[in-house]
Amino acid sequence: MPDTAKTEAPRGHRKERVGKVLANKMAKTIVVQVERRFPHPKYKKVITSYAKFYAHDEKGDAKVGDVVLIQETRPLSKLKRWRLKEVVEHTKEDPSHTAAAAAN
């Protein structure tokens, strides 16, 4: 009889979304806005729809404005069902903005 404890079963396909970080004020949590574009069923005009997802960011890598890849996971809390897979693109910070914020 083969021992199934040693061989790990392959994970099922998990949804992935690319979006922009709106907030990172919570501990280990980011809010990601995902854009979805689709034609209207009847009028065929392209509609842009937005959805907000709460995602788990264990290391705190993502900053506001970053483009990130999130992956579906088991429920982690009341609202969190996604986790950060990678930061696709970091935001370029304006040095004059950070210097002005530090002066205040």
N, C-alpha and C. Protein backbone atom coordinates (compact mmCIF):
# COMPACT_ATOMS: atom_id res chain seq x y z
N MET A 1 0.85 -1.18 0.00
CA MET A 1 0.00 0.00 0.00
C MET A 1 0.89 1.24 0.00
N PRO A 2 0.73 2.16 -0.96
CA PRO A 2 1.58 3.35 -1.00
C PRO A 2 1.27 4.31 0.16
N ASP A 3 2.31 4.96 0.62
CA ASP A 3 2.17 5.90 1.73
C ASP A 3 1.83 7.28 1.16
N THR A 4 0.61 7.75 1.37
CA THR A 4 0.16 9.03 0.81
C THR A 4 0.64 10.22 1.61
N ALA A 5 1.14 10.00 2.82
CA ALA A 5 1.61 11.11 3.65
C ALA A 5 2.87 11.74 3.07
N LYS A 6 3.69 10.94 2.39
CA LYS A 6 4.94 11.45 1.83
C LYS A 6 4.72 12.20 0.52
N THR A 7 3.82 11.70 -0.32
CA THR A 7 3.56 12.35 -1.60
C THR A 7 2.48 13.40 -1.42
N GLU A 8 2.81 14.61 -1.82
CA GLU A 8 1.87 15.72 -1.67
C GLU A 8 0.95 15.80 -2.88
N ALA A 9 -0.33 15.89 -2.63
CA ALA A 9 -1.31 15.97 -3.72
C ALA A 9 -1.18 17.31 -4.42
N PRO A 10 -1.32 17.35 -5.76
CA PRO A 10 -1.22 18.63 -6.46
C PRO A 10 -2.40 19.53 -6.10
N ARG A 11 -2.10 20.79 -5.96
CA ARG A 11 -3.12 21.77 -5.61
C ARG A 11 -4.00 22.05 -6.81
N GLY A 12 -5.27 22.34 -6.57
CA GLY A 12 -6.17 22.68 -7.66
C GLY A 12 -5.84 24.04 -8.23
N HIS A 13 -6.44 24.36 -9.34
CA HIS A 13 -6.21 25.66 -9.98
C HIS A 13 -6.79 26.76 -9.11
N ARG A 14 -6.01 27.78 -8.82
CA ARG A 14 -6.47 28.90 -8.01
C ARG A 14 -6.51 30.16 -8.85
N LYS A 15 -7.55 30.95 -8.65
CA LYS A 15 -7.70 32.19 -9.42
C LYS A 15 -6.59 33.16 -9.06
N GLU A 16 -6.16 33.91 -10.05
CA GLU A 16 -5.16 34.95 -9.85
C GLU A 16 -5.67 36.24 -10.48
N ARG A 17 -5.40 37.36 -9.83
CA ARG A 17 -5.80 38.67 -10.33
C ARG A 17 -4.64 39.64 -10.20
N VAL A 18 -4.56 40.58 -11.13
CA VAL A 18 -3.56 41.65 -11.07
C VAL A 18 -4.31 42.93 -10.76
N GLY A 19 -3.81 43.68 -9.77
CA GLY A 19 -4.49 44.91 -9.38
C GLY A 19 -3.54 45.89 -8.73
N LYS A 20 -4.09 47.02 -8.35
CA LYS A 20 -3.32 48.11 -7.76
C LYS A 20 -3.64 48.21 -6.27
N VAL A 21 -2.62 48.40 -5.45
CA VAL A 21 -2.81 48.49 -4.01
C VAL A 21 -3.40 49.85 -3.66
N LEU A 22 -4.56 49.84 -2.96
CA LEU A 22 -5.21 51.07 -2.53
C LEU A 22 -4.80 51.46 -1.12
N ALA A 23 -4.61 50.45 -0.25
CA ALA A 23 -4.29 50.73 1.16
C ALA A 23 -3.45 49.60 1.74
N ASN A 24 -2.57 49.97 2.66
CA ASN A 24 -1.76 48.97 3.38
C ASN A 24 -1.64 49.35 4.86
N LYS A 25 -2.65 50.01 5.39
CA LYS A 25 -2.62 50.48 6.78
C LYS A 25 -2.83 49.36 7.80
N MET A 26 -3.49 48.29 7.41
CA MET A 26 -3.77 47.20 8.34
C MET A 26 -2.56 46.29 8.47
N ALA A 27 -2.46 45.60 9.59
CA ALA A 27 -1.35 44.68 9.82
C ALA A 27 -1.47 43.47 8.90
N LYS A 28 -0.47 43.25 8.07
CA LYS A 28 -0.40 42.10 7.16
C LYS A 28 -1.57 42.00 6.19
N THR A 29 -2.21 43.12 5.89
CA THR A 29 -3.36 43.12 4.97
C THR A 29 -3.22 44.29 4.00
N ILE A 30 -3.53 44.03 2.74
CA ILE A 30 -3.58 45.10 1.74
C ILE A 30 -4.95 45.06 1.06
N VAL A 31 -5.36 46.22 0.56
CA VAL A 31 -6.60 46.32 -0.21
C VAL A 31 -6.19 46.52 -1.66
N VAL A 32 -6.66 45.64 -2.54
CA VAL A 32 -6.26 45.66 -3.94
C VAL A 32 -7.48 45.94 -4.81
N GLN A 33 -7.34 46.89 -5.74
CA GLN A 33 -8.41 47.20 -6.68
C GLN A 33 -8.09 46.52 -8.01
N VAL A 34 -9.02 45.70 -8.47
CA VAL A 34 -8.85 44.96 -9.72
C VAL A 34 -9.82 45.51 -10.75
N GLU A 35 -9.30 45.80 -11.93
CA GLU A 35 -10.11 46.36 -13.02
C GLU A 35 -10.53 45.23 -13.96
N ARG A 36 -11.80 45.26 -14.37
CA ARG A 36 -12.34 44.26 -15.29
C ARG A 36 -13.07 44.99 -16.41
N ARG A 37 -12.67 44.74 -17.64
CA ARG A 37 -13.31 45.40 -18.79
C ARG A 37 -14.03 44.34 -19.62
N PHE A 38 -15.29 44.67 -19.97
CA PHE A 38 -16.09 43.72 -20.73
C PHE A 38 -17.14 44.48 -21.52
N PRO A 39 -17.60 43.95 -22.66
CA PRO A 39 -18.65 44.62 -23.44
C PRO A 39 -20.02 44.41 -22.78
N HIS A 40 -20.85 45.42 -22.84
CA HIS A 40 -22.21 45.32 -22.32
C HIS A 40 -22.94 44.25 -23.14
N PRO A 41 -23.69 43.36 -22.49
CA PRO A 41 -24.33 42.27 -23.23
C PRO A 41 -25.25 42.72 -24.36
N LYS A 42 -25.96 43.80 -24.17
CA LYS A 42 -26.91 44.25 -25.19
C LYS A 42 -26.33 45.34 -26.07
N TYR A 43 -25.71 46.36 -25.47
CA TYR A 43 -25.29 47.55 -26.22
C TYR A 43 -23.86 47.50 -26.71
N LYS A 44 -23.08 46.52 -26.26
CA LYS A 44 -21.71 46.28 -26.72
C LYS A 44 -20.71 47.38 -26.37
N LYS A 45 -21.12 48.36 -25.57
CA LYS A 45 -20.17 49.36 -25.12
C LYS A 45 -19.25 48.72 -24.08
N VAL A 46 -17.96 49.04 -24.13
CA VAL A 46 -17.01 48.47 -23.18
C VAL A 46 -17.19 49.15 -21.83
N ILE A 47 -17.42 48.33 -20.81
CA ILE A 47 -17.65 48.82 -19.46
C ILE A 47 -16.45 48.47 -18.60
N THR A 48 -16.03 49.39 -17.76
CA THR A 48 -14.96 49.13 -16.81
C THR A 48 -15.58 48.95 -15.44
N SER A 49 -15.34 47.79 -14.85
CA SER A 49 -15.86 47.48 -13.54
C SER A 49 -14.69 47.28 -12.59
N TYR A 50 -14.84 47.73 -11.34
CA TYR A 50 -13.77 47.60 -10.36
C TYR A 50 -14.24 46.76 -9.18
N ALA A 51 -13.34 45.98 -8.63
CA ALA A 51 -13.63 45.20 -7.44
C ALA A 51 -12.48 45.37 -6.46
N LYS A 52 -12.82 45.42 -5.16
CA LYS A 52 -11.80 45.53 -4.12
C LYS A 52 -11.66 44.19 -3.43
N PHE A 53 -10.41 43.75 -3.26
CA PHE A 53 -10.13 42.51 -2.57
C PHE A 53 -9.18 42.78 -1.41
N TYR A 54 -9.45 42.14 -0.27
CA TYR A 54 -8.54 42.19 0.87
C TYR A 54 -7.60 41.00 0.73
N ALA A 55 -6.30 41.27 0.74
CA ALA A 55 -5.31 40.21 0.54
C ALA A 55 -4.31 40.17 1.68
N HIS A 56 -3.81 38.99 1.97
CA HIS A 56 -2.84 38.78 3.04
C HIS A 56 -1.44 39.07 2.52
N ASP A 57 -0.73 39.98 3.19
CA ASP A 57 0.64 40.35 2.84
C ASP A 57 1.52 40.04 4.04
N GLU A 58 2.06 38.84 4.09
CA GLU A 58 2.80 38.36 5.27
C GLU A 58 4.02 39.23 5.58
N LYS A 59 4.78 39.61 4.56
CA LYS A 59 6.04 40.33 4.78
C LYS A 59 5.88 41.84 4.74
N GLY A 60 4.74 42.34 4.30
CA GLY A 60 4.55 43.78 4.20
C GLY A 60 5.30 44.39 3.02
N ASP A 61 5.43 43.64 1.93
CA ASP A 61 6.17 44.09 0.75
C ASP A 61 5.45 45.17 -0.05
N ALA A 62 4.14 45.08 -0.14
CA ALA A 62 3.36 45.95 -1.03
C ALA A 62 3.13 47.32 -0.41
N LYS A 63 3.29 48.35 -1.23
CA LYS A 63 3.04 49.72 -0.82
C LYS A 63 1.88 50.27 -1.65
N VAL A 64 1.31 51.38 -1.22
CA VAL A 64 0.19 51.99 -1.94
C VAL A 64 0.66 52.39 -3.34
N GLY A 65 -0.12 52.00 -4.34
CA GLY A 65 0.20 52.32 -5.73
C GLY A 65 0.91 51.21 -6.47
N ASP A 66 1.43 50.21 -5.77
CA ASP A 66 2.11 49.09 -6.43
C ASP A 66 1.11 48.24 -7.21
N VAL A 67 1.59 47.64 -8.29
CA VAL A 67 0.80 46.68 -9.05
C VAL A 67 1.20 45.29 -8.53
N VAL A 68 0.21 44.51 -8.08
CA VAL A 68 0.49 43.23 -7.45
C VAL A 68 -0.32 42.10 -8.07
N LEU A 69 0.18 40.88 -7.88
CA LEU A 69 -0.51 39.67 -8.30
C LEU A 69 -1.00 38.99 -7.04
N ILE A 70 -2.33 38.76 -6.95
CA ILE A 70 -2.90 38.09 -5.79
C ILE A 70 -3.47 36.76 -6.22
N GLN A 71 -3.50 35.81 -5.28
CA GLN A 71 -3.98 34.46 -5.58
C GLN A 71 -5.04 34.07 -4.57
N GLU A 72 -6.05 33.37 -5.05
CA GLU A 72 -7.14 32.91 -4.19
C GLU A 72 -6.60 31.89 -3.19
N THR A 73 -7.13 31.93 -1.97
CA THR A 73 -6.71 31.00 -0.93
C THR A 73 -7.89 30.70 -0.01
N ARG A 74 -7.64 29.90 1.00
CA ARG A 74 -8.70 29.59 1.97
C ARG A 74 -9.07 30.86 2.74
N PRO A 75 -10.25 30.92 3.33
CA PRO A 75 -10.61 32.10 4.11
C PRO A 75 -9.65 32.31 5.29
N LEU A 76 -9.05 33.50 5.35
CA LEU A 76 -8.11 33.82 6.41
C LEU A 76 -8.77 34.66 7.50
N SER A 77 -9.83 35.38 7.14
CA SER A 77 -10.59 36.17 8.11
C SER A 77 -11.97 36.42 7.50
N LYS A 78 -12.70 37.34 8.09
CA LYS A 78 -14.05 37.64 7.60
C LYS A 78 -14.03 38.11 6.14
N LEU A 79 -13.03 38.92 5.77
CA LEU A 79 -12.98 39.50 4.43
C LEU A 79 -11.84 38.97 3.55
N LYS A 80 -10.81 38.40 4.16
CA LYS A 80 -9.63 38.00 3.39
C LYS A 80 -9.75 36.59 2.84
N ARG A 81 -9.75 36.50 1.48
CA ARG A 81 -9.75 35.21 0.79
C ARG A 81 -8.66 35.18 -0.28
N TRP A 82 -7.76 36.12 -0.25
CA TRP A 82 -6.70 36.25 -1.24
C TRP A 82 -5.37 36.45 -0.51
N ARG A 83 -4.27 36.09 -1.18
CA ARG A 83 -2.95 36.36 -0.60
C ARG A 83 -2.05 36.92 -1.69
N LEU A 84 -1.09 37.71 -1.25
CA LEU A 84 -0.14 38.33 -2.18
C LEU A 84 0.81 37.27 -2.71
N LYS A 85 0.88 37.16 -4.03
CA LYS A 85 1.80 36.20 -4.63
C LYS A 85 3.11 36.90 -4.99
N GLU A 86 3.01 38.09 -5.64
CA GLU A 86 4.21 38.85 -5.95
C GLU A 86 3.86 40.30 -6.26
N VAL A 87 4.86 41.16 -6.09
CA VAL A 87 4.71 42.56 -6.47
C VAL A 87 5.22 42.65 -7.90
N VAL A 88 4.34 42.98 -8.84
CA VAL A 88 4.69 43.02 -10.25
C VAL A 88 5.48 44.28 -10.56
N GLU A 89 5.02 45.41 -10.04
CA GLU A 89 5.65 46.70 -10.34
C GLU A 89 5.58 47.60 -9.11
N HIS A 90 6.74 48.10 -8.68
CA HIS A 90 6.78 49.01 -7.54
C HIS A 90 6.47 50.44 -8.00
N THR A 91 5.87 51.22 -7.12
CA THR A 91 5.59 52.62 -7.40
C THR A 91 6.87 53.41 -7.31
N LYS A 92 7.04 54.33 -8.25
CA LYS A 92 8.20 55.22 -8.18
C LYS A 92 7.86 56.37 -7.25
N GLU A 93 8.59 56.46 -6.15
CA GLU A 93 8.32 57.51 -5.17
C GLU A 93 8.98 58.81 -5.60
N ASP A 94 8.29 59.91 -5.38
CA ASP A 94 8.81 61.24 -5.67
C ASP A 94 9.62 61.70 -4.47
N PRO A 95 10.95 61.93 -4.63
CA PRO A 95 11.77 62.31 -3.49
C PRO A 95 11.35 63.63 -2.85
N SER A 96 10.83 64.58 -3.64
CA SER A 96 10.41 65.87 -3.09
C SER A 96 9.18 65.70 -2.21
N HIS A 97 8.31 64.73 -2.55
CA HIS A 97 7.11 64.48 -1.75
C HIS A 97 7.48 63.90 -0.38
N THR A 98 8.42 62.96 -0.36
CA THR A 98 8.82 62.36 0.92
C THR A 98 9.58 63.35 1.78
N ALA A 99 10.35 64.24 1.17
CA ALA A 99 11.10 65.26 1.92
C ALA A 99 10.12 66.26 2.53
N ALA A 100 9.08 66.62 1.80
CA ALA A 100 8.08 67.57 2.31
C ALA A 100 7.27 66.95 3.45
N ALA A 101 7.00 65.67 3.35
CA ALA A 101 6.25 64.98 4.41
C ALA A 101 7.10 64.87 5.67
N ALA A 102 8.41 64.67 5.52
CA ALA A 102 9.28 64.54 6.67
C ALA A 102 9.46 65.89 7.37
N ALA A 103 9.40 66.99 6.61
CA ALA A 103 9.58 68.33 7.17
C ALA A 103 8.37 68.74 8.02
N ASN A 104 7.18 68.22 7.69
CA ASN A 104 5.97 68.60 8.44
C ASN A 104 5.88 67.87 9.70
